[in-house]
């Protein structure tokens, strides 16, 4: 049997790090993940998926991420239940994270925070700006594609800013022989 989950999205809030009575660290957080299709109004919606991570990984995750961080998580889906204070049985479905990756650099993350950190969502719900897509709203969202577009559109300026960049397009033709190709 297989129970594997991989998510890529942005955190809707800072991770909540706590410790059990035995001293084990546990962090809970929610990841906003875009759907691959648009709704009837042509807007892209998002799912807000609860996650939990344990022990040293929980401490590391809490230290290096915050609201709006672009992360990739790998784990398994788990369902559990408990009885709340009113005596009602509550069922919880969450992703138990086993591995995670930080998908933006510290500089990109800090730049997004300095620009207001508006990622288009707040505490598990899209903002009422009419845009239900947490990745298309605000500065710094989808930073990787913005950076690649700006570097390809402003190639002359990137060559002058870093003359040691082997991938900079400075207008010169590149000489490649058939022996250099891998196929």
C-alpha atoms as a PDB file:
ATOM      1  CA  UNK A   1       0.000   0.000   0.000  1.00  0.00           C
ATOM      2  CA  UNK A   2       1.148   3.522  -0.755  1.00  0.00           C
ATOM      3  CA  UNK A   3       0.504   6.692   1.243  1.00  0.00           C
ATOM      4  CA  UNK A   4       2.731   9.437  -0.161  1.00  0.00           C
ATOM      5  CA  UNK A   5       2.068  13.164  -0.428  1.00  0.00           C
ATOM      6  CA  UNK A   6       4.165  15.900  -2.021  1.00  0.00           C
ATOM      7  CA  UNK A   7       3.073  19.533  -1.715  1.00  0.00           C
ATOM      8  CA  UNK A   8       4.544  22.790  -2.988  1.00  0.00           C
ATOM      9  CA  UNK A   9       3.039  25.990  -1.695  1.00  0.00           C
ATOM     10  CA  UNK A  10       3.316  28.945   0.646  1.00  0.00           C
ATOM     11  CA  UNK A  11       2.811  28.998   4.392  1.00  0.00           C
ATOM     12  CA  UNK A  12      -0.365  30.801   5.458  1.00  0.00           C
ATOM     13  CA  UNK A  13       1.086  31.666   8.878  1.00  0.00           C
ATOM     14  CA  UNK A  14       4.246  31.161  10.913  1.00  0.00           C
ATOM     15  CA  UNK A  15       4.726  27.552  12.035  1.00  0.00           C
ATOM     16  CA  UNK A  16       3.401  26.885  15.547  1.00  0.00           C
ATOM     17  CA  UNK A  17       6.239  25.126  17.426  1.00  0.00           C
ATOM     18  CA  UNK A  18       5.363  23.332  20.667  1.00  0.00           C
ATOM     19  CA  UNK A  19       6.862  20.615  22.819  1.00  0.00           C
ATOM     20  CA  UNK A  20       5.207  17.461  24.165  1.00  0.00           C
ATOM     21  CA  UNK A  21       5.446  16.481  27.837  1.00  0.00           C
ATOM     22  CA  UNK A  22       8.317  14.174  26.933  1.00  0.00           C
ATOM     23  CA  UNK A  23      10.189  17.045  25.239  1.00  0.00           C
ATOM     24  CA  UNK A  24       9.593  16.153  21.576  1.00  0.00           C
ATOM     25  CA  UNK A  25       9.227  19.173  19.297  1.00  0.00           C
ATOM     26  CA  UNK A  26       6.139  19.342  17.074  1.00  0.00           C
ATOM     27  CA  UNK A  27       5.240  22.120  14.648  1.00  0.00           C
ATOM     28  CA  UNK A  28       1.938  22.636  12.872  1.00  0.00           C
ATOM     29  CA  UNK A  29       1.412  24.814   9.823  1.00  0.00           C
ATOM     30  CA  UNK A  30      -0.836  25.238   6.795  1.00  0.00           C
ATOM     31  CA  UNK A  31       0.343  25.199   3.177  1.00  0.00           C
ATOM     32  CA  UNK A  32      -1.647  27.026   0.474  1.00  0.00           C
ATOM     33  CA  UNK A  33      -1.460  25.062  -2.780  1.00  0.00           C
ATOM     34  CA  UNK A  34      -2.859  26.346  -6.076  1.00  0.00           C
ATOM     35  CA  UNK A  35      -5.287  24.185  -7.987  1.00  0.00           C
ATOM     36  CA  UNK A  36      -4.340  23.370 -11.574  1.00  0.00           C
ATOM     37  CA  UNK A  37      -7.592  24.701 -13.043  1.00  0.00           C
ATOM     38  CA  UNK A  38      -9.643  27.880 -12.866  1.00  0.00           C
ATOM     39  CA  UNK A  39     -13.192  28.339 -11.573  1.00  0.00           C
ATOM     40  CA  UNK A  40     -16.174  29.684 -13.550  1.00  0.00           C
ATOM     41  CA  UNK A  41     -14.951  33.277 -13.064  1.00  0.00           C
ATOM     42  CA  UNK A  42     -11.526  32.396 -14.499  1.00  0.00           C
ATOM     43  CA  UNK A  43      -9.787  32.676 -11.129  1.00  0.00           C
ATOM     44  CA  UNK A  44      -7.422  30.081  -9.750  1.00  0.00           C
ATOM     45  CA  UNK A  45      -8.419  28.745  -6.337  1.00  0.00           C
ATOM     46  CA  UNK A  46      -6.189  27.262  -3.649  1.00  0.00           C
ATOM     47  CA  UNK A  47      -6.401  24.453  -1.126  1.00  0.00           C
ATOM     48  CA  UNK A  48      -5.219  25.031   2.435  1.00  0.00           C
ATOM     49  CA  UNK A  49      -3.643  21.837   3.735  1.00  0.00           C
ATOM     50  CA  UNK A  50      -2.808  21.263   7.402  1.00  0.00           C
ATOM     51  CA  UNK A  51       0.599  19.741   8.115  1.00  0.00           C
ATOM     52  CA  UNK A  52       2.514  18.539  11.172  1.00  0.00           C
ATOM     53  CA  UNK A  53       6.266  17.934  11.516  1.00  0.00           C
ATOM     54  CA  UNK A  54       8.117  16.358  14.447  1.00  0.00           C
ATOM     55  CA  UNK A  55      11.399  16.497  16.401  1.00  0.00           C
ATOM     56  CA  UNK A  56      14.535  18.260  15.103  1.00  0.00           C
ATOM     57  CA  UNK A  57      12.967  18.767  11.671  1.00  0.00           C
ATOM     58  CA  UNK A  58      10.154  20.715  13.395  1.00  0.00           C
ATOM     59  CA  UNK A  59      12.660  23.001  15.102  1.00  0.00           C
ATOM     60  CA  UNK A  60      14.579  23.572  11.857  1.00  0.00           C
ATOM     61  CA  UNK A  61      11.381  24.196   9.894  1.00  0.00           C
ATOM     62  CA  UNK A  62      10.206  26.746  12.470  1.00  0.00           C
ATOM     63  CA  UNK A  63      13.582  28.508  12.526  1.00  0.00           C
ATOM     64  CA  UNK A  64      13.895  28.905   8.754  1.00  0.00           C
ATOM     65  CA  UNK A  65      10.317  29.546   7.589  1.00  0.00           C
ATOM     66  CA  UNK A  66       7.609  32.104   8.239  1.00  0.00           C
ATOM     67  CA  UNK A  67       4.301  33.241   6.794  1.00  0.00           C
ATOM     68  CA  UNK A  68       4.577  33.356   2.990  1.00  0.00           C
ATOM     69  CA  UNK A  69       7.634  31.080   2.711  1.00  0.00           C
ATOM     70  CA  UNK A  70       7.651  28.914  -0.410  1.00  0.00           C
ATOM     71  CA  UNK A  71       8.205  25.324   0.716  1.00  0.00           C
ATOM     72  CA  UNK A  72       8.044  21.794  -0.592  1.00  0.00           C
ATOM     73  CA  UNK A  73       6.985  19.065   1.812  1.00  0.00           C
ATOM     74  CA  UNK A  74       7.010  15.288   1.471  1.00  0.00           C
ATOM     75  CA  UNK A  75       5.131  13.004   3.817  1.00  0.00           C
ATOM     76  CA  UNK A  76       2.029  10.917   4.365  1.00  0.00           C
ATOM     77  CA  UNK A  77      -1.641  11.639   4.993  1.00  0.00           C
ATOM     78  CA  UNK A  78      -2.875  10.740   8.453  1.00  0.00           C
ATOM     79  CA  UNK A  79      -6.332  10.832   9.998  1.00  0.00           C
ATOM     80  CA  UNK A  80      -6.921  10.905  13.731  1.00  0.00           C
ATOM     81  CA  UNK A  81      -9.726  11.749  16.082  1.00  0.00           C
ATOM     82  CA  UNK A  82     -10.155  13.090  19.599  1.00  0.00           C
ATOM     83  CA  UNK A  83     -12.955  14.178  21.891  1.00  0.00           C
ATOM     84  CA  UNK A  84     -13.103  17.937  22.464  1.00  0.00           C
ATOM     85  CA  UNK A  85     -14.145  19.734  25.677  1.00  0.00           C
ATOM     86  CA  UNK A  86     -17.813  19.589  24.677  1.00  0.00           C
ATOM     87  CA  UNK A  87     -17.626  15.801  24.319  1.00  0.00           C
ATOM     88  CA  UNK A  88     -17.882  15.878  20.519  1.00  0.00           C
ATOM     89  CA  UNK A  89     -15.675  13.541  18.455  1.00  0.00           C
ATOM     90  CA  UNK A  90     -13.443  15.653  16.159  1.00  0.00           C
ATOM     91  CA  UNK A  91     -11.745  14.113  13.111  1.00  0.00           C
ATOM     92  CA  UNK A  92      -8.525  15.593  11.764  1.00  0.00           C
ATOM     93  CA  UNK A  93      -6.805  14.859   8.435  1.00  0.00           C
ATOM     94  CA  UNK A  94      -3.280  16.214   8.037  1.00  0.00           C
ATOM     95  CA  UNK A  95       0.009  15.604   6.270  1.00  0.00           C
ATOM     96  CA  UNK A  96       2.724  14.211   8.528  1.00  0.00           C
ATOM     97  CA  UNK A  97       5.831  15.794   7.000  1.00  0.00           C
ATOM     98  CA  UNK A  98       8.917  13.595   6.760  1.00  0.00           C
ATOM     99  CA  UNK A  99      11.070  15.830   4.515  1.00  0.00           C
ATOM    100  CA  UNK A 100      10.906  19.466   3.503  1.00  0.00           C
ATOM    101  CA  UNK A 101      12.715  21.831   1.146  1.00  0.00           C
ATOM    102  CA  UNK A 102      12.979  25.597   1.241  1.00  0.00           C
ATOM    103  CA  UNK A 103      12.213  26.701  -2.311  1.00  0.00           C
ATOM    104  CA  UNK A 104      13.315  30.314  -2.175  1.00  0.00           C
ATOM    105  CA  UNK A 105      16.559  31.873  -1.107  1.00  0.00           C
ATOM    106  CA  UNK A 106      16.897  33.817   2.116  1.00  0.00           C
ATOM    107  CA  UNK A 107      17.409  36.998   0.069  1.00  0.00           C
ATOM    108  CA  UNK A 108      14.141  36.446  -1.827  1.00  0.00           C
ATOM    109  CA  UNK A 109      12.316  35.739   1.402  1.00  0.00           C
ATOM    110  CA  UNK A 110      13.677  38.859   3.112  1.00  0.00           C
ATOM    111  CA  UNK A 111      12.909  40.986   0.046  1.00  0.00           C
ATOM    112  CA  UNK A 112       9.299  39.764   0.041  1.00  0.00           C
ATOM    113  CA  UNK A 113       8.989  40.562   3.758  1.00  0.00           C
ATOM    114  CA  UNK A 114      10.411  44.073   3.267  1.00  0.00           C
ATOM    115  CA  UNK A 115       7.903  44.734   0.488  1.00  0.00           C
ATOM    116  CA  UNK A 116       5.071  44.065   2.893  1.00  0.00           C
ATOM    117  CA  UNK A 117       4.915  40.295   2.550  1.00  0.00           C
ATOM    118  CA  UNK A 118       1.466  40.474   0.926  1.00  0.00           C
ATOM    119  CA  UNK A 119       0.984  36.967  -0.387  1.00  0.00           C
ATOM    120  CA  UNK A 120      -2.763  37.252  -0.799  1.00  0.00           C
ATOM    121  CA  UNK A 121      -3.871  35.119   2.113  1.00  0.00           C
ATOM    122  CA  UNK A 122      -4.357  35.445   5.828  1.00  0.00           C
ATOM    123  CA  UNK A 123      -4.826  32.693   8.398  1.00  0.00           C
ATOM    124  CA  UNK A 124      -6.075  29.948   6.070  1.00  0.00           C
ATOM    125  CA  UNK A 125      -8.401  32.106   3.977  1.00  0.00           C
ATOM    126  CA  UNK A 126      -7.918  34.192   0.833  1.00  0.00           C
ATOM    127  CA  UNK A 127      -8.086  37.928   1.339  1.00  0.00           C
ATOM    128  CA  UNK A 128     -11.230  39.690   0.256  1.00  0.00           C
ATOM    129  CA  UNK A 129      -9.427  41.511  -2.541  1.00  0.00           C
ATOM    130  CA  UNK A 130     -11.398  39.451  -5.044  1.00  0.00           C
ATOM    131  CA  UNK A 131      -8.333  37.395  -5.909  1.00  0.00           C
ATOM    132  CA  UNK A 132      -8.622  33.917  -4.442  1.00  0.00           C
ATOM    133  CA  UNK A 133      -5.168  32.902  -5.645  1.00  0.00           C
ATOM    134  CA  UNK A 134      -2.582  33.270  -2.898  1.00  0.00           C
ATOM    135  CA  UNK A 135       0.291  33.028  -5.387  1.00  0.00           C
ATOM    136  CA  UNK A 136      -0.812  35.639  -7.903  1.00  0.00           C
ATOM    137  CA  UNK A 137      -1.486  38.428  -5.408  1.00  0.00           C
ATOM    138  CA  UNK A 138       1.138  40.697  -3.930  1.00  0.00           C
ATOM    139  CA  UNK A 139       4.845  41.191  -4.273  1.00  0.00           C
ATOM    140  CA  UNK A 140       7.298  38.357  -4.145  1.00  0.00           C
ATOM    141  CA  UNK A 141       4.856  35.637  -5.069  1.00  0.00           C
ATOM    142  CA  UNK A 142       6.174  33.363  -7.753  1.00  0.00           C
ATOM    143  CA  UNK A 143       9.605  34.942  -7.346  1.00  0.00           C
ATOM    144  CA  UNK A 144      11.434  32.328  -9.378  1.00  0.00           C
ATOM    145  CA  UNK A 145       9.583  33.109 -12.611  1.00  0.00           C
ATOM    146  CA  UNK A 146       9.854  36.856 -12.001  1.00  0.00           C
ATOM    147  CA  UNK A 147      13.602  36.557 -11.569  1.00  0.00           C
ATOM    148  CA  UNK A 148      14.023  34.461 -14.687  1.00  0.00           C
ATOM    149  CA  UNK A 149      11.955  36.890 -16.757  1.00  0.00           C
ATOM    150  CA  UNK A 150      13.869  39.899 -15.534  1.00  0.00           C
ATOM    151  CA  UNK A 151      17.222  38.234 -16.176  1.00  0.00           C
ATOM    152  CA  UNK A 152      16.263  37.233 -19.712  1.00  0.00           C
ATOM    153  CA  UNK A 153      14.712  40.609 -20.531  1.00  0.00           C
ATOM    154  CA  UNK A 154      17.546  42.642 -19.060  1.00  0.00           C
ATOM    155  CA  UNK A 155      20.410  40.481 -20.218  1.00  0.00           C
ATOM    156  CA  UNK A 156      22.712  43.370 -21.122  1.00  0.00           C
ATOM    157  CA  UNK A 157      22.431  44.866 -17.646  1.00  0.00           C
ATOM    158  CA  UNK A 158      23.050  41.480 -15.994  1.00  0.00           C
ATOM    159  CA  UNK A 159      26.225  41.031 -18.022  1.00  0.00           C
ATOM    160  CA  UNK A 160      27.557  44.385 -16.899  1.00  0.00           C
ATOM    161  CA  UNK A 161      26.612  43.762 -13.262  1.00  0.00           C
ATOM    162  CA  UNK A 162      28.461  40.427 -13.108  1.00  0.00           C
ATOM    163  CA  UNK A 163      31.167  39.994 -15.759  1.00  0.00           C
ATOM    164  CA  UNK A 164      32.090  36.539 -14.391  1.00  0.00           C
ATOM    165  CA  UNK A 165      28.653  35.080 -15.104  1.00  0.00           C
ATOM    166  CA  UNK A 166      29.181  32.355 -17.763  1.00  0.00           C
ATOM    167  CA  UNK A 167      25.468  32.436 -18.655  1.00  0.00           C
ATOM    168  CA  UNK A 168      25.219  36.190 -19.212  1.00  0.00           C
ATOM    169  CA  UNK A 169      24.278  37.211 -22.763  1.00  0.00           C
ATOM    170  CA  UNK A 170      26.724  39.953 -23.669  1.00  0.00           C
ATOM    171  CA  UNK A 171      25.946  39.888 -27.385  1.00  0.00           C
ATOM    172  CA  UNK A 172      28.811  37.623 -28.403  1.00  0.00           C
ATOM    173  CA  UNK A 173      28.237  34.444 -30.358  1.00  0.00           C
ATOM    174  CA  UNK A 174      29.039  31.199 -28.557  1.00  0.00           C
ATOM    175  CA  UNK A 175      31.188  28.682 -30.429  1.00  0.00           C
ATOM    176  CA  UNK A 176      30.009  25.112 -29.756  1.00  0.00           C
ATOM    177  CA  UNK A 177      31.396  22.134 -31.631  1.00  0.00           C
ATOM    178  CA  UNK A 178      29.638  18.802 -32.121  1.00  0.00           C
ATOM    179  CA  UNK A 179      32.080  17.270 -29.625  1.00  0.00           C
ATOM    180  CA  UNK A 180      30.664  19.526 -26.867  1.00  0.00           C
ATOM    181  CA  UNK A 181      27.106  18.191 -27.234  1.00  0.00           C
ATOM    182  CA  UNK A 182      26.057  15.316 -24.953  1.00  0.00           C
ATOM    183  CA  UNK A 183      24.104  13.458 -27.672  1.00  0.00           C
END
